[in-house]
Amino acid sequence: MTPNLMIRERCFEWGQRTYLMGILNVTPDSFSDGGDFNTATTALAQAQAMVAGGADIIDVGGQSTRPGAEQITLAEELDRILPVLQVLRKEITVPISVDTTRAAVAKAAVEAGADIVNDISSGTLDPEMLPTVAKMNVPIILMHIRGNPQTMQQFTDYQDLMGEIHSFLAKQIFAATAAGIDEGKIIIDPGIGFAKNYEQNLEILRRLPQLRQLNCPILVGASRKSFIGRILNQPNPKARVWGTAAACCAAIFNGADILRVHDVQQMRDVSLVADAIFR
């Protein structure tokens, strides 16, 4: 694995510590914080709070990817994220990623100041995504999914969960490099909660080290998700902070390089202590 990655004059040294990606959903319907930050003013305030709390990357998404989320038009997605990106880029210095499956959105977002493309479909939902990212020469996050957010929970039947995740990601890493993306700019994500049931989400956290063979930094996004709610018997996603902390600790222990989280300040404390123990 490439030992480090420069993004906007910041050096990410893989293996040295855990990096935090703060989630900024500029959507009315995300599962945990829909409607909380969908104006430029509230989004900027939240981004600044996350940076102050220790976020290394801010991840901006305009299309909810919760199970069953309604697909919005390209114009709507652009209208949601571009004004926010333009404001954020002037005010914050940390790298910004754009959470999208559309090449046109990725291109416009990078032109507006985004530094990373975070594609939950690994380039499978838009054939132009990988070539577009290659042309822009920015890092990409490739996540495992089956189907799309509308259909994914119908596809949780696996013969070999980790083997199939590994195989899918290996295939998409190959497709990305074939399209011209530098292998050192690829980050992988096993896709907790995406076409996975309760037991499978736990299995991913347990068996995460198996993805190390792919020689890419690993991102884990367990924050506030429903499997944590089930364990805690907690229907309110915002009340799952301690459960998220436990999942993040497990992810760090098993080799995660980046944690995608809502509660940055709390998970910064978790990662500092976990890093001191495990690294």
Protein backbone atom coordinates (compact mmCIF):
# COMPACT_ATOMS: atom_id res chain seq x y z
CA MET A 1 0.00 0.00 0.00
CA THR A 2 1.23 3.54 -0.76
CA PRO A 3 2.34 4.85 2.65
CA ASN A 4 0.76 8.29 2.30
CA LEU A 5 -1.55 10.45 0.21
CA MET A 6 -1.36 14.22 -0.25
CA ILE A 7 -4.75 15.91 -0.41
CA ARG A 8 -4.91 19.73 -0.45
CA GLU A 9 -1.43 20.06 1.06
CA ARG A 10 -2.34 17.64 3.86
CA CYS A 11 -0.46 14.39 4.17
CA PHE A 12 -2.51 11.34 5.15
CA GLU A 13 0.01 8.86 6.56
CA TRP A 14 -1.74 5.49 6.51
CA GLY A 15 -1.21 3.38 9.59
CA GLN A 16 0.05 6.23 11.76
CA ARG A 17 -3.35 7.27 13.10
CA THR A 18 -7.07 7.11 12.41
CA TYR A 19 -8.50 9.91 10.26
CA LEU A 20 -12.02 11.26 10.69
CA MET A 21 -14.42 12.13 7.89
CA GLY A 22 -17.24 14.35 9.14
CA ILE A 23 -20.63 13.74 7.52
CA LEU A 24 -22.40 16.81 6.14
CA ASN A 25 -25.74 15.83 4.60
CA VAL A 26 -27.30 18.78 2.79
CA THR A 27 -30.50 16.80 2.32
CA PRO A 28 -34.04 16.99 3.70
CA ASP A 29 -34.33 13.21 4.13
CA SER A 30 -31.10 11.57 5.40
CA PHE A 31 -31.78 8.93 8.08
CA SER A 32 -30.07 10.73 10.94
CA ASP A 33 -29.85 14.46 10.24
CA GLY A 34 -32.12 15.14 7.24
CA GLY A 35 -33.09 18.81 7.12
CA ASP A 36 -30.56 19.88 9.78
CA PHE A 37 -27.91 21.34 7.47
CA ASN A 38 -29.58 21.91 4.10
CA THR A 39 -28.87 25.65 3.85
CA ALA A 40 -25.46 27.16 3.14
CA THR A 41 -25.48 28.92 6.54
CA THR A 42 -26.29 25.84 8.65
CA ALA A 43 -23.97 23.66 6.55
CA LEU A 44 -21.04 26.04 7.04
CA ALA A 45 -21.63 26.26 10.79
CA GLN A 46 -21.71 22.47 11.05
CA ALA A 47 -18.60 22.05 8.89
CA GLN A 48 -16.69 24.56 11.00
CA ALA A 49 -17.82 22.79 14.20
CA MET A 50 -16.65 19.44 12.81
CA VAL A 51 -13.26 20.86 11.80
CA ALA A 52 -12.88 22.38 15.27
CA GLY A 53 -13.82 18.97 16.71
CA GLY A 54 -11.06 17.21 14.78
CA ALA A 55 -12.44 16.32 11.33
CA ASP A 56 -9.73 15.62 8.75
CA ILE A 57 -12.18 15.57 5.81
CA ILE A 58 -15.71 16.97 5.37
CA ASP A 59 -17.98 14.74 3.25
CA VAL A 60 -20.80 16.65 1.52
CA GLY A 61 -23.77 14.72 0.16
CA GLY A 62 -26.89 15.99 -1.58
CA GLN A 63 -28.62 12.65 -2.28
CA SER A 64 -29.77 10.56 0.67
CA THR A 65 -28.54 6.96 0.46
CA ARG A 66 -30.59 5.54 3.33
CA PRO A 67 -32.53 2.34 2.47
CA GLY A 68 -35.45 3.25 0.21
CA ALA A 69 -34.33 6.86 -0.29
CA GLU A 70 -35.99 8.58 -3.23
CA GLN A 71 -33.70 9.28 -6.20
CA ILE A 72 -33.53 13.02 -6.97
CA THR A 73 -32.76 14.61 -10.33
CA LEU A 74 -29.28 15.66 -11.39
CA ALA A 75 -30.35 19.32 -11.26
CA GLU A 76 -31.64 18.93 -7.68
CA GLU A 77 -28.43 17.26 -6.52
CA LEU A 78 -26.33 20.04 -8.06
CA ASP A 79 -28.59 22.73 -6.57
CA ARG A 80 -28.12 21.21 -3.13
CA ILE A 81 -24.38 20.76 -3.07
CA LEU A 82 -22.78 23.44 -5.25
CA PRO A 83 -23.83 26.50 -3.21
CA VAL A 84 -22.67 24.72 -0.03
CA LEU A 85 -19.33 23.68 -1.56
CA GLN A 86 -18.65 27.21 -2.78
CA VAL A 87 -19.21 28.61 0.72
CA LEU A 88 -17.23 25.83 2.46
CA ARG A 89 -14.22 26.09 0.16
CA LYS A 90 -13.76 29.77 1.05
CA GLU A 91 -13.99 29.14 4.78
CA ILE A 92 -12.40 25.77 5.60
CA THR A 93 -8.96 24.42 4.74
CA VAL A 94 -9.43 20.66 5.28
CA PRO A 95 -10.08 18.42 2.26
CA ILE A 96 -13.71 18.14 1.16
CA SER A 97 -15.20 15.01 -0.40
CA VAL A 98 -18.39 14.85 -2.44
CA ASP A 99 -20.70 11.91 -1.80
CA THR A 100 -22.27 11.15 -5.19
CA THR A 101 -22.79 8.38 -7.74
CA ARG A 102 -23.05 10.77 -10.71
CA ALA A 103 -20.02 11.74 -12.80
CA ALA A 104 -21.53 15.13 -13.69
CA VAL A 105 -21.96 15.96 -9.99
CA ALA A 106 -18.44 14.75 -9.18
CA LYS A 107 -16.99 16.95 -11.95
CA ALA A 108 -18.96 20.06 -10.93
CA ALA A 109 -18.13 19.49 -7.26
CA VAL A 110 -14.38 19.19 -7.90
CA GLU A 111 -14.53 22.33 -10.02
CA ALA A 112 -16.25 24.05 -7.06
CA GLY A 113 -13.46 23.00 -4.68
CA ALA A 114 -14.06 19.37 -3.64
CA ASP A 115 -10.91 17.23 -3.36
CA ILE A 116 -12.21 13.63 -3.19
CA VAL A 117 -15.05 11.67 -4.79
CA ASN A 118 -16.92 9.30 -2.47
CA ASP A 119 -19.01 6.95 -4.64
CA ILE A 120 -21.18 4.42 -2.78
CA SER A 121 -21.53 2.48 -6.05
CA SER A 122 -17.77 2.26 -6.83
CA GLY A 123 -18.49 3.63 -10.28
CA THR A 124 -21.09 0.99 -11.15
CA LEU A 125 -24.13 3.31 -11.37
CA ASP A 126 -22.57 5.76 -13.84
CA PRO A 127 -20.15 4.40 -16.48
CA GLU A 128 -18.60 7.87 -16.79
CA MET A 129 -17.60 8.10 -13.12
CA LEU A 130 -14.21 6.33 -13.21
CA PRO A 131 -12.97 8.03 -16.41
CA THR A 132 -14.14 11.41 -15.05
CA VAL A 133 -12.30 10.94 -11.75
CA ALA A 134 -9.20 9.82 -13.67
CA LYS A 135 -9.27 13.01 -15.77
CA MET A 136 -9.62 15.16 -12.63
CA ASN A 137 -6.78 13.25 -10.92
CA VAL A 138 -8.47 13.21 -7.49
CA PRO A 139 -8.77 10.36 -4.95
CA ILE A 140 -11.87 8.15 -5.03
CA ILE A 141 -13.57 6.08 -2.35
CA LEU A 142 -14.95 2.80 -3.72
CA MET A 143 -17.70 1.21 -1.62
CA HIS A 144 -19.28 -2.22 -1.79
CA ILE A 145 -23.00 -2.27 -2.56
CA ARG A 146 -25.52 -4.45 -4.35
CA GLY A 147 -28.34 -2.78 -6.25
CA ASN A 148 -28.96 0.84 -5.25
CA PRO A 149 -30.40 2.54 -2.14
CA GLN A 150 -33.95 1.86 -3.39
CA THR A 151 -33.36 -1.89 -3.83
CA MET A 152 -30.26 -2.84 -1.82
CA GLN A 153 -32.00 -4.39 1.18
CA GLN A 154 -33.44 -7.07 -1.14
CA PHE A 155 -29.86 -8.25 -1.87
CA THR A 156 -28.54 -9.43 1.49
CA ASP A 157 -28.18 -13.11 0.57
CA TYR A 158 -24.46 -13.96 0.41
CA GLN A 159 -22.71 -17.32 0.10
CA ASP A 160 -19.46 -15.80 1.40
CA LEU A 161 -19.93 -12.25 2.67
CA MET A 162 -16.30 -11.13 3.00
CA GLY A 163 -15.19 -13.07 -0.06
CA GLU A 164 -17.84 -11.38 -2.18
CA ILE A 165 -17.05 -7.90 -0.80
CA HIS A 166 -13.34 -8.55 -1.45
CA SER A 167 -14.04 -9.77 -4.99
CA PHE A 168 -16.29 -6.79 -5.83
CA LEU A 169 -13.78 -4.25 -4.51
CA ALA A 170 -10.87 -5.98 -6.29
CA LYS A 171 -12.85 -5.79 -9.55
CA GLN A 172 -13.61 -2.08 -9.07
CA ILE A 173 -10.01 -1.27 -8.10
CA PHE A 174 -8.97 -2.93 -11.36
CA ALA A 175 -11.64 -0.97 -13.31
CA ALA A 176 -10.52 2.29 -11.66
CA THR A 177 -6.84 1.76 -12.48
CA ALA A 178 -7.74 0.65 -16.02
CA ALA A 179 -9.62 3.96 -16.40
CA GLY A 180 -6.46 5.82 -15.38
CA ILE A 181 -6.91 6.38 -11.64
CA ASP A 182 -3.66 6.15 -9.68
CA GLU A 183 -3.85 3.12 -7.35
CA GLY A 184 -2.40 5.26 -4.55
CA LYS A 185 -5.53 7.45 -4.74
CA ILE A 186 -8.03 4.63 -4.14
CA ILE A 187 -9.70 4.15 -0.74
CA ILE A 188 -12.08 1.23 -0.11
CA ASP A 189 -15.21 0.92 2.03
CA PRO A 190 -16.96 -2.40 2.83
CA GLY A 191 -20.34 -0.64 2.84
CA ILE A 192 -21.78 -1.28 6.29
CA GLY A 193 -25.58 -1.08 6.04
CA PHE A 194 -25.62 -1.19 2.24
CA ALA A 195 -27.19 -4.48 1.14
CA LYS A 196 -26.19 -5.91 4.54
CA ASN A 197 -28.36 -7.17 7.39
CA TYR A 198 -27.71 -6.94 11.13
CA GLU A 199 -25.49 -10.03 11.41
CA GLN A 200 -23.55 -9.13 8.26
CA ASN A 201 -22.70 -5.64 9.57
CA LEU A 202 -21.23 -7.22 12.70
CA GLU A 203 -19.33 -9.77 10.62
CA ILE A 204 -17.73 -7.00 8.51
CA LEU A 205 -16.42 -5.29 11.64
CA ARG A 206 -15.07 -8.61 12.96
CA ARG A 207 -13.42 -9.67 9.71
CA LEU A 208 -12.25 -6.29 8.42
CA PRO A 209 -8.55 -7.35 8.36
CA GLN A 210 -9.35 -9.59 5.36
CA LEU A 211 -9.69 -6.46 3.21
CA ARG A 212 -6.07 -5.50 3.94
CA GLN A 213 -5.02 -7.83 1.08
CA LEU A 214 -6.43 -5.25 -1.34
CA ASN A 215 -3.60 -2.86 -0.37
CA CYS A 216 -5.82 0.23 -0.09
CA PRO A 217 -6.68 2.41 2.91
CA ILE A 218 -9.98 1.28 4.47
CA LEU A 219 -12.85 3.60 5.34
CA VAL A 220 -15.58 2.39 7.71
CA GLY A 221 -18.95 4.12 8.04
CA ALA A 222 -20.88 2.67 10.98
CA SER A 223 -21.99 5.95 12.53
CA ARG A 224 -25.49 5.90 14.11
CA LYS A 225 -26.61 3.05 11.81
CA SER A 226 -29.61 0.81 12.44
CA PHE A 227 -27.58 -2.24 13.56
CA ILE A 228 -26.35 -0.11 16.48
CA GLY A 229 -29.94 0.99 17.16
CA ARG A 230 -31.01 -2.64 17.26
CA ILE A 231 -28.33 -3.57 19.80
CA LEU A 232 -29.18 -0.57 21.99
CA ASN A 233 -32.95 -0.75 21.40
CA GLN A 234 -32.59 2.90 20.43
CA PRO A 235 -34.84 4.14 17.60
CA ASN A 236 -33.39 7.68 17.64
CA PRO A 237 -30.18 7.74 15.52
CA LYS A 238 -28.86 10.80 17.36
CA ALA A 239 -28.93 8.84 20.64
CA ARG A 240 -26.55 6.15 19.30
CA VAL A 241 -23.30 8.03 20.02
CA TRP A 242 -21.94 5.55 22.61
CA GLY A 243 -22.85 2.58 20.44
CA THR A 244 -21.13 4.28 17.51
CA ALA A 245 -18.06 4.78 19.73
CA ALA A 246 -17.87 1.02 20.37
CA ALA A 247 -18.21 0.22 16.65
CA CYS A 248 -15.51 2.79 15.80
CA CYS A 249 -13.18 1.31 18.41
CA ALA A 250 -13.68 -2.16 16.87
CA ALA A 251 -13.03 -0.75 13.39
CA ILE A 252 -9.75 0.85 14.52
CA PHE A 253 -8.66 -2.36 16.25
CA ASN A 254 -9.29 -4.26 13.01
CA GLY A 255 -7.43 -1.87 10.72
CA ALA A 256 -9.70 1.00 9.63
CA ASP A 257 -7.78 4.03 8.38
CA ILE A 258 -10.70 6.46 8.13
CA LEU A 259 -13.96 6.62 10.09
CA ARG A 260 -16.94 8.37 8.49
CA VAL A 261 -18.86 9.85 11.43
CA HIS A 262 -21.55 12.33 12.47
CA ASP A 263 -20.28 12.98 16.01
CA VAL A 264 -16.75 14.16 15.24
CA GLN A 265 -15.68 15.55 18.60
CA GLN A 266 -16.72 12.42 20.49
CA MET A 267 -15.16 10.05 17.93
CA ARG A 268 -11.94 12.11 18.01
CA ASP A 269 -11.59 11.15 21.69
CA VAL A 270 -12.38 7.52 20.84
CA SER A 271 -9.81 7.43 18.04
CA LEU A 272 -7.07 9.12 20.09
CA VAL A 273 -7.38 6.52 22.86
CA ALA A 274 -7.85 3.57 20.47
CA ASP A 275 -4.82 4.70 18.43
CA ALA A 276 -2.71 4.96 21.58
CA ILE A 277 -3.63 1.36 22.47
CA PHE A 278 -3.71 -0.37 19.08
CA ARG A 279 -1.13 1.56 17.04
